[in-house]
Amino acid sequence: MSNFIRIFALLAAILLGTAQAQVEINVSGAKVRGIPIAVVPFKVLDGQAVDHQIHQIIAFDLDATGKFESIGTDKFLAFPSRPEEFRAKDWRFIDAEVMVMGEVWNLGSGKYEVQFRIFDVAREQEVGSGKRITGLSQRDLRTAGHVIADAVYNTYTGRPGAFQSNIAYVQRQEIEYQRYRYKLMVADWDGYGAREVYGSWKPLLSPSWSPDRSKIAFVAFANSGPIVRVIDLQSGDVDTIASFKGVNAAPAWSPDGSKLAYSASRHGSPDIFVYDTVTRQHQRINTHYGIDTEPAWSPDGRSLLFTSNRAGKPQIYSYSFADESVARMTFEGTESANASYDFDGKNLTMVHEGGQIVVMNEENSRLTWLTNAKYDESPSFSPNGDMVLYKTEQGFEPALVVASADGRIRTRLTNVKGDVREPSWSSLR
């Protein structure tokens, strides 16, 4: 269900209750045909036990993209940690094409160092030279896993990894019977380390990351109705951007972070407005008797996608700042909503037919179905465009899921707890 429907037709639906879900990681979908990769458990050199899951984090990160297939450690013939211990035949035997190994150094005083190496099995040689990650805390050992996964991903795809990014989402917690607290949460991309950055006794909607990841715009509810606010994640300061009479909804940052687009009904039917963070001026960029909402910027900042029912049912349109023209983008099916671009503007993800997540190639309008459910919503591209985060329901419980952009792999982020909704993926900055 898109924010288009939620805010203007089914607002009451956000008050429905669901049970809390304990978290773990599940991967589902078609058979993986990614690059077979063996990630060896990293060896702790000083002999002291160090609680780390570096190899598991690397494998999980890469598996979720659909471009790699990790091989279980139960198939390994050896567990090397240094180059001189690498024997290509051990890894060819289990059909691995890539092997990753490394060491963890306990430096004392709660500090650690990690060294990792990537080997190409077919060429029987190391890819690049061993790299060290220094100055790590116990918590940072997870970050080291993401850094290494990014390195592997970039080496074999030529694209940046997305594993050092963050996600935001809304969690609803039942404090007592039918009395709820809503929390804006921020976490690592895999849902680990979630923390509350803003709380309210009224619903929160539509979190949107600033390009530098320092702020999040979102919709809160005041006595007057929904308003657009921005929170500074470092200081905790909150600024109200749009609190006009009527509905203020669906904020979206421009690529350079200087503007916020949003939808407001201050003049009657909802239109798209752009707020300049420097001049603090609000500009209405379109006027129509229909409902226009859910703006999303193109990567070059020259146009905006938005959802409109001006043709009867919700569809995706594009507004050009150059000539102020509006063009319809979607024609397949009866309904499309909540669209956004990937990082290079070649593809859009959106909610199709009221509850299916799809990716559309902008050049030929070809659709790739990521889901075929009825209740999926709030799709958000990873910063490299290779995965899509969305909210669904599994077993009558809400869940956040990441799908590979080709639709083959779906990974539930079960590090995310409770009644969750409204996910948003940050940039890499």
Protein backbone atom coordinates (compact mmCIF):
# COMPACT_ATOMS: atom_id res chain seq x y z
CA MET A 1 0.00 0.00 0.00
CA SER A 2 1.49 3.34 -0.99
CA ASN A 3 1.48 6.57 1.01
CA PHE A 4 -0.89 7.85 -1.68
CA ILE A 5 -3.54 5.43 -0.46
CA ARG A 6 -2.53 5.55 3.19
CA ILE A 7 -2.74 9.29 3.67
CA PHE A 8 -5.66 10.14 1.45
CA ALA A 9 -7.89 7.06 1.65
CA LEU A 10 -6.93 4.49 4.28
CA LEU A 11 -5.25 6.44 7.08
CA ALA A 12 -6.99 4.30 9.64
CA ALA A 13 -5.03 1.28 8.47
CA ILE A 14 -1.92 2.48 10.30
CA LEU A 15 -3.66 1.74 13.58
CA LEU A 16 -4.00 -1.99 12.93
CA GLY A 17 -2.03 -4.15 15.37
CA THR A 18 0.37 -6.99 14.69
CA ALA A 19 2.49 -9.24 16.86
CA GLN A 20 6.19 -8.58 17.34
CA ALA A 21 8.64 -10.72 15.39
CA GLN A 22 11.92 -12.05 16.73
CA VAL A 23 14.70 -11.61 14.23
CA GLU A 24 17.06 -13.81 12.29
CA ILE A 25 18.04 -13.92 8.64
CA ASN A 26 16.17 -15.91 6.01
CA VAL A 27 16.89 -16.00 2.29
CA SER A 28 14.28 -17.15 -0.22
CA GLY A 29 13.68 -17.01 -3.94
CA ALA A 30 14.89 -18.78 -7.04
CA LYS A 31 18.02 -20.89 -7.07
CA VAL A 32 21.06 -18.69 -6.68
CA ARG A 33 23.36 -18.55 -9.71
CA GLY A 34 25.86 -16.08 -8.35
CA ILE A 35 29.64 -16.37 -8.21
CA PRO A 36 30.54 -19.27 -5.85
CA ILE A 37 32.55 -17.77 -2.99
CA ALA A 38 34.20 -19.34 0.05
CA VAL A 39 34.62 -17.06 3.07
CA VAL A 40 36.93 -18.66 5.63
CA PRO A 41 36.36 -17.91 9.34
CA PHE A 42 38.93 -15.26 10.31
CA LYS A 43 41.66 -16.47 12.63
CA VAL A 44 42.30 -14.69 15.94
CA LEU A 45 46.06 -14.53 16.26
CA ASP A 46 46.70 -13.81 19.95
CA GLY A 47 44.87 -16.93 21.05
CA GLN A 48 42.26 -15.05 23.07
CA ALA A 49 38.65 -15.65 22.21
CA VAL A 50 37.14 -12.77 20.25
CA ASP A 51 33.41 -12.81 19.57
CA HIS A 52 33.17 -11.87 15.91
CA GLN A 53 31.11 -13.01 12.94
CA ILE A 54 33.13 -11.39 10.20
CA HIS A 55 32.97 -14.28 7.74
CA GLN A 56 29.22 -14.71 8.30
CA ILE A 57 28.60 -11.00 7.73
CA ILE A 58 30.61 -11.04 4.49
CA ALA A 59 28.75 -14.09 3.21
CA PHE A 60 25.34 -12.71 4.13
CA ASP A 61 26.04 -9.34 2.52
CA LEU A 62 27.15 -10.89 -0.76
CA ASP A 63 24.39 -13.52 -0.86
CA ALA A 64 21.70 -10.85 -0.53
CA THR A 65 22.74 -9.22 -3.79
CA GLY A 66 22.10 -12.36 -5.85
CA LYS A 67 25.49 -11.92 -7.54
CA PHE A 68 27.33 -14.30 -5.20
CA GLU A 69 26.61 -17.70 -3.68
CA SER A 70 28.52 -18.45 -0.49
CA ILE A 71 29.67 -22.03 0.12
CA GLY A 72 29.07 -23.47 3.59
CA THR A 73 32.12 -23.94 5.82
CA ASP A 74 31.17 -27.61 6.27
CA LYS A 75 32.45 -28.19 2.71
CA PHE A 76 35.85 -26.58 3.30
CA LEU A 77 38.96 -28.79 3.07
CA ALA A 78 41.18 -26.21 4.76
CA PHE A 79 40.96 -23.06 6.88
CA PRO A 80 43.89 -20.85 5.85
CA SER A 81 44.50 -17.34 7.13
CA ARG A 82 47.75 -16.39 5.33
CA PRO A 83 48.78 -16.37 1.64
CA GLU A 84 51.30 -19.17 2.01
CA GLU A 85 48.48 -21.43 3.22
CA PHE A 86 46.37 -20.93 0.08
CA ARG A 87 46.06 -24.03 -2.11
CA ALA A 88 43.89 -23.45 -5.16
CA LYS A 89 43.06 -27.15 -5.52
CA ASP A 90 41.30 -27.12 -2.11
CA TRP A 91 38.86 -24.53 -3.45
CA ARG A 92 38.48 -25.86 -6.98
CA PHE A 93 37.38 -29.12 -5.41
CA ILE A 94 34.32 -27.41 -3.88
CA ASP A 95 33.76 -25.30 -7.04
CA ALA A 96 34.68 -21.99 -5.40
CA GLU A 97 35.71 -19.22 -7.78
CA VAL A 98 36.59 -16.71 -5.07
CA MET A 99 38.08 -17.26 -1.63
CA VAL A 100 38.33 -14.71 1.18
CA MET A 101 40.41 -15.20 4.32
CA GLY A 102 41.82 -13.04 7.06
CA GLU A 103 43.07 -12.49 10.58
CA VAL A 104 41.86 -10.59 13.61
CA TRP A 105 44.44 -9.00 15.91
CA ASN A 106 43.46 -8.25 19.50
CA LEU A 107 45.50 -5.16 20.35
CA GLY A 108 44.21 -4.90 23.92
CA SER A 109 42.22 -2.11 25.58
CA GLY A 110 39.22 -3.09 23.47
CA LYS A 111 40.95 -2.36 20.15
CA TYR A 112 41.27 -4.68 17.17
CA GLU A 113 42.83 -4.85 13.73
CA VAL A 114 41.62 -6.93 10.80
CA GLN A 115 43.56 -8.00 7.73
CA PHE A 116 41.84 -9.64 4.77
CA ARG A 117 42.85 -11.17 1.45
CA ILE A 118 40.86 -12.02 -1.68
CA PHE A 119 41.96 -14.87 -3.95
CA ASP A 120 40.93 -15.73 -7.48
CA VAL A 121 40.81 -19.52 -7.49
CA ALA A 122 40.95 -20.02 -11.26
CA ARG A 123 44.02 -17.80 -11.64
CA GLU A 124 45.50 -19.20 -8.41
CA GLN A 125 46.51 -15.77 -7.20
CA GLU A 126 45.62 -13.03 -4.79
CA VAL A 127 43.52 -10.16 -6.10
CA GLY A 128 45.31 -7.01 -5.05
CA SER A 129 47.31 -7.08 -1.84
CA GLY A 130 46.22 -7.76 1.71
CA LYS A 131 44.47 -4.82 3.32
CA ARG A 132 44.31 -3.86 7.00
CA ILE A 133 41.41 -2.22 8.84
CA THR A 134 42.70 -0.61 12.04
CA GLY A 135 41.38 1.14 15.14
CA LEU A 136 38.36 -1.13 15.51
CA SER A 137 36.20 -1.61 18.59
CA GLN A 138 34.27 -4.82 19.25
CA ARG A 139 31.24 -3.20 17.61
CA ASP A 140 33.37 -2.19 14.65
CA LEU A 141 34.20 -5.80 13.83
CA ARG A 142 30.79 -5.97 12.17
CA THR A 143 31.66 -2.87 10.18
CA ALA A 144 34.87 -4.57 9.07
CA GLY A 145 32.75 -7.38 7.63
CA HIS A 146 30.76 -4.85 5.61
CA VAL A 147 33.95 -3.12 4.41
CA ILE A 148 35.36 -6.44 3.19
CA ALA A 149 32.09 -7.38 1.47
CA ASP A 150 32.16 -4.01 -0.30
CA ALA A 151 35.72 -4.72 -1.47
CA VAL A 152 34.78 -8.14 -2.85
CA TYR A 153 31.65 -6.76 -4.51
CA ASN A 154 33.52 -3.93 -6.21
CA THR A 155 36.33 -6.25 -7.35
CA TYR A 156 34.01 -8.66 -9.14
CA THR A 157 31.19 -6.39 -10.33
CA GLY A 158 32.95 -3.09 -10.90
CA ARG A 159 30.20 -1.41 -8.85
CA PRO A 160 30.35 -0.02 -5.31
CA GLY A 161 28.90 -2.18 -2.58
CA ALA A 162 26.05 -0.91 -0.40
CA PHE A 163 26.98 -2.61 2.84
CA GLN A 164 28.24 0.44 4.73
CA SER A 165 24.95 2.27 4.23
CA ASN A 166 22.06 2.63 6.68
CA ILE A 167 18.33 2.15 6.70
CA ALA A 168 15.58 4.04 8.51
CA TYR A 169 12.14 2.72 9.35
CA VAL A 170 9.20 3.26 11.69
CA GLN A 171 8.49 0.85 14.51
CA ARG A 172 5.15 0.79 16.31
CA GLN A 173 5.25 -0.45 19.89
CA GLU A 174 2.13 -1.28 21.89
CA ILE A 175 2.65 0.21 25.35
CA GLU A 176 -0.70 -0.93 26.66
CA TYR A 177 -3.83 -2.26 25.03
CA GLN A 178 -4.42 -0.27 21.80
CA ARG A 179 -2.08 2.48 22.95
CA TYR A 180 0.98 2.78 20.73
CA ARG A 181 4.27 4.61 20.59
CA TYR A 182 5.85 5.24 17.19
CA LYS A 183 9.63 5.31 16.86
CA LEU A 184 11.81 6.45 13.99
CA MET A 185 14.66 3.95 13.91
CA VAL A 186 18.08 3.97 12.23
CA ALA A 187 20.16 0.82 11.69
CA ASP A 188 22.92 -0.73 9.61
CA TRP A 189 21.74 -1.90 6.20
CA ASP A 190 21.12 -5.42 7.59
CA GLY A 191 19.05 -4.08 10.49
CA TYR A 192 21.75 -4.50 13.13
CA GLY A 193 22.36 -1.86 15.78
CA ALA A 194 18.95 -0.21 15.53
CA ARG A 195 18.48 2.93 17.60
CA GLU A 196 15.58 5.29 18.12
CA VAL A 197 16.16 8.82 16.87
CA TYR A 198 12.63 10.22 17.31
CA GLY A 199 9.51 9.09 19.13
CA SER A 200 5.84 10.08 19.14
CA TRP A 201 2.49 8.90 20.45
CA LYS A 202 1.09 9.65 17.01
CA PRO A 203 1.95 7.91 13.72
CA LEU A 204 5.17 8.63 11.84
CA LEU A 205 5.45 8.21 8.06
CA SER A 206 7.76 8.52 5.07
CA PRO A 207 11.32 8.84 6.42
CA SER A 208 13.70 10.23 3.78
CA TRP A 209 17.49 10.44 4.15
CA SER A 210 19.44 13.57 3.24
CA PRO A 211 22.21 12.76 0.73
CA ASP A 212 24.94 13.11 3.35
CA ARG A 213 23.06 10.90 5.86
CA SER A 214 23.10 13.66 8.49
CA LYS A 215 19.35 14.31 8.51
CA ILE A 216 16.06 12.51 7.99
CA ALA A 217 12.86 14.18 6.82
CA PHE A 218 9.62 12.52 7.87
CA VAL A 219 5.91 13.05 8.45
CA ALA A 220 4.64 13.46 12.01
CA PHE A 221 1.13 14.17 13.25
CA ALA A 222 0.35 17.37 15.14
CA ASN A 223 -3.02 18.52 16.43
CA SER A 224 -3.57 20.18 13.05
CA GLY A 225 -2.79 17.01 11.11
CA PRO A 226 0.25 15.61 9.27
CA ILE A 227 3.30 17.88 9.09
CA VAL A 228 6.77 17.54 7.53
CA ARG A 229 9.70 17.63 9.94
CA VAL A 230 13.48 17.16 9.71
CA ILE A 231 15.71 15.72 12.42
CA ASP A 232 19.46 16.31 12.63
CA LEU A 233 20.87 12.91 13.61
CA GLN A 234 23.93 14.31 15.35
CA SER A 235 22.36 17.06 17.44
CA GLY A 236 18.84 15.65 17.70
CA ASP A 237 17.41 19.04 16.71
CA VAL A 238 14.05 18.89 14.94
CA ASP A 239 12.82 21.49 12.47
CA THR A 240 9.29 21.76 11.12
CA ILE A 241 9.33 22.33 7.37
CA ALA A 242 5.68 22.25 6.35
CA SER A 243 2.73 22.56 8.72
CA PHE A 244 0.17 24.18 6.48
CA LYS A 245 -3.56 23.62 6.81
CA GLY A 246 -4.53 20.25 5.41
CA VAL A 247 -2.17 17.41 4.52
CA ASN A 248 1.63 17.79 4.40
CA ALA A 249 3.22 14.55 3.28
CA ALA A 250 5.90 12.48 1.51
CA PRO A 251 9.13 14.53 1.83
CA ALA A 252 12.03 13.78 -0.54
CA TRP A 253 15.52 15.33 -0.57
CA SER A 254 17.11 16.69 -3.72
CA PRO A 255 20.38 15.01 -4.77
CA ASP A 256 22.46 17.95 -3.49
CA GLY A 257 20.53 18.20 -0.21
CA SER A 258 19.54 21.83 -0.77
CA LYS A 259 15.82 21.22 -1.30
CA LEU A 260 12.94 19.11 -0.07
CA ALA A 261 10.02 18.17 -2.28
CA TYR A 262 6.75 17.28 -0.56
CA SER A 263 3.01 17.12 -1.13
CA ALA A 264 0.57 19.54 0.47
CA SER A 265 -3.12 20.33 0.20
CA ARG A 266 -2.82 23.92 1.45
CA HIS A 267 -4.60 25.20 -1.69
CA GLY A 268 -7.16 22.44 -1.99
CA SER A 269 -6.21 19.20 -3.70
CA PRO A 270 -2.66 18.02 -2.90
CA ASP A 271 0.08 19.42 -5.12
CA ILE A 272 3.87 19.04 -5.19
CA PHE A 273 5.90 21.76 -3.46
CA VAL A 274 9.65 22.31 -3.23
CA TYR A 275 11.20 23.81 -0.10
CA ASP A 276 14.58 25.56 -0.40
CA THR A 277 16.61 24.88 2.75
CA VAL A 278 18.70 28.04 2.21
CA THR A 279 16.03 30.64 1.42
CA ARG A 280 13.32 28.75 3.35
CA GLN A 281 10.90 29.48 0.53
CA HIS A 282 8.16 27.09 -0.63
CA GLN A 283 7.37 26.81 -4.32
CA ARG A 284 4.36 25.00 -5.77
CA ILE A 285 5.54 23.34 -8.96
CA ASN A 286 2.26 21.94 -10.27
CA THR A 287 -1.43 22.62 -9.98
CA HIS A 288 -4.10 20.03 -10.72
CA TYR A 289 -7.51 19.09 -9.38
CA GLY A 290 -6.28 15.53 -8.81
CA ILE A 291 -4.11 14.25 -5.98
CA ASP A 292 -0.37 14.69 -6.61
CA THR A 293 1.93 13.16 -3.99
CA GLU A 294 5.03 10.99 -3.34
CA PRO A 295 7.66 13.12 -5.13
CA ALA A 296 11.08 11.58 -5.86
CA TRP A 297 14.02 13.34 -7.48
CA SER A 298 15.94 12.19 -10.52
CA PRO A 299 19.67 11.66 -9.80
CA ASP A 300 20.58 14.82 -11.74
CA GLY A 301 17.99 16.91 -9.90
CA ARG A 302 16.39 18.08 -13.15
CA SER A 303 13.05 16.35 -12.72
CA LEU A 304 10.70 14.84 -10.16
CA LEU A 305 8.66 11.68 -10.23
CA PHE A 306 5.31 11.82 -8.46
CA THR A 307 2.12 9.81 -8.04
CA SER A 308 -1.11 11.28 -9.38
CA ASN A 309 -4.67 10.12 -9.93
CA ARG A 310 -5.28 12.75 -12.60
CA ALA A 311 -6.09 9.95 -15.08
CA GLY A 312 -8.44 8.23 -12.63
CA LYS A 313 -6.17 5.67 -10.95
CA PRO A 314 -2.77 6.36 -9.34
CA GLN A 315 0.04 6.40 -11.91
CA ILE A 316 3.60 7.71 -12.05
CA TYR A 317 4.34 11.06 -13.72
CA SER A 318 7.49 13.12 -14.24
CA TYR A 319 7.84 16.88 -13.84
CA SER A 320 10.67 18.65 -15.72
CA PHE A 321 12.11 21.77 -14.07
CA ALA A 322 13.52 22.93 -17.43
CA ASP A 323 10.20 23.49 -19.19
CA GLU A 324 7.68 22.76 -16.38
CA SER A 325 6.20 19.93 -18.44
CA VAL A 326 4.51 16.83 -17.02
CA ALA A 327 4.75 13.42 -18.67
CA ARG A 328 3.09 10.15 -17.71
CA MET A 329 5.65 7.39 -17.00
CA THR A 330 3.58 4.25 -16.32
CA PHE A 331 0.89 2.64 -18.45
CA GLU A 332 0.96 -1.08 -17.66
CA GLY A 333 -1.70 -2.25 -15.22
CA THR A 334 -4.35 -0.23 -13.45
CA GLU A 335 -2.29 1.33 -10.68
CA SER A 336 1.31 2.37 -9.92
CA ALA A 337 2.56 4.46 -7.01
CA ASN A 338 5.47 5.44 -4.76
CA ALA A 339 8.20 5.38 -7.43
CA SER A 340 11.87 6.32 -7.04
CA TYR A 341 15.01 6.14 -9.17
CA ASP A 342 18.13 4.07 -8.71
CA PHE A 343 21.43 5.94 -8.39
CA ASP A 344 22.04 6.41 -12.13
CA GLY A 345 18.45 7.04 -13.17
CA LYS A 346 18.14 4.01 -15.45
CA ASN A 347 15.52 2.17 -13.39
CA LEU A 348 12.56 2.96 -11.16
CA THR A 349 11.11 0.89 -8.36
CA MET A 350 7.47 1.30 -7.40
CA VAL A 351 4.35 -0.31 -5.96
CA HIS A 352 2.34 -1.88 -8.77
CA GLU A 353 -1.34 -2.87 -8.67
CA GLY A 354 -1.66 -1.82 -5.04
CA GLY A 355 0.82 -4.21 -3.45
CA GLN A 356 3.48 -5.68 -5.76
CA ILE A 357 7.03 -4.34 -5.90
CA VAL A 358 8.43 -3.95 -9.40
CA VAL A 359 11.45 -2.42 -11.12
CA MET A 360 10.87 -0.57 -14.39
CA ASN A 361 13.55 0.18 -16.95
CA GLU A 362 13.01 3.81 -17.88
CA GLU A 363 14.20 3.42 -21.48
CA ASN A 364 11.87 0.60 -22.55
CA SER A 365 9.32 0.57 -19.66
CA ARG A 366 9.95 -3.15 -19.11
CA LEU A 367 8.84 -4.37 -15.69
CA THR A 368 10.65 -6.85 -13.46
CA TRP A 369 8.52 -8.25 -10.64
CA LEU A 370 10.33 -8.45 -7.31
CA THR A 371 7.23 -9.64 -5.44
CA ASN A 372 3.76 -10.95 -6.26
CA ALA A 373 2.12 -10.27 -2.91
CA LYS A 374 -0.84 -8.02 -2.17
CA TYR A 375 0.48 -5.99 0.74
CA ASP A 376 4.06 -4.99 -0.13
CA GLU A 377 4.90 -1.31 0.12
CA SER A 378 7.50 1.46 0.48
CA PRO A 379 10.22 0.23 -1.94
CA SER A 380 13.62 1.90 -1.66
CA PHE A 381 16.70 1.25 -3.82
CA SER A 382 20.05 0.47 -2.26
CA PRO A 383 22.55 3.26 -2.97
CA ASN A 384 24.15 1.20 -5.76
CA GLY A 385 20.78 0.25 -7.28
CA ASP A 386 21.38 -3.51 -7.01
CA MET A 387 18.87 -4.23 -4.24
CA VAL A 388 15.45 -2.96 -3.16
CA LEU A 389 14.26 -2.66 0.44
CA TYR A 390 10.53 -2.90 1.12
CA LYS A 391 7.96 -3.71 3.79
CA THR A 392 5.84 -6.83 3.58
CA GLU A 393 3.91 -9.23 5.80
CA GLN A 394 5.10 -12.75 6.50
CA GLY A 395 2.89 -15.02 8.57
CA PHE A 396 0.60 -12.05 9.37
CA GLU A 397 3.59 -10.21 10.83
CA PRO A 398 5.25 -7.12 9.31
CA ALA A 399 8.77 -7.57 8.02
CA LEU A 400 11.45 -5.70 6.10
CA VAL A 401 12.83 -7.55 3.10
CA VAL A 402 15.66 -6.84 0.66
CA ALA A 403 15.27 -8.17 -2.89
CA SER A 404 17.94 -8.33 -5.54
CA ALA A 405 17.04 -5.91 -8.33
CA ASP A 406 16.56 -8.82 -10.74
CA GLY A 407 13.94 -10.35 -8.43
CA ARG A 408 15.75 -13.68 -7.90
CA ILE A 409 16.69 -13.34 -4.22
CA ARG A 410 14.67 -12.07 -1.27
CA THR A 411 16.27 -11.68 2.15
CA ARG A 412 14.31 -10.93 5.29
CA LEU A 413 16.09 -8.51 7.62
CA THR A 414 15.23 -10.27 10.80
CA ASN A 415 17.64 -8.17 12.80
CA VAL A 416 14.70 -5.76 12.64
CA LYS A 417 12.27 -6.33 15.49
CA GLY A 418 8.60 -5.67 16.03
CA ASP A 419 5.84 -4.00 14.09
CA VAL A 420 7.86 -2.22 11.40
CA ARG A 421 7.00 -0.19 8.32
CA GLU A 422 8.06 2.73 6.09
CA PRO A 423 11.66 1.65 5.28
CA SER A 424 14.11 3.99 3.57
CA TRP A 425 17.67 3.26 2.37
CA SER A 426 20.40 5.88 2.79
CA SER A 427 23.10 6.94 0.36
CA LEU A 428 26.76 5.88 0.73
CA ARG A 429 28.14 9.32 1.62
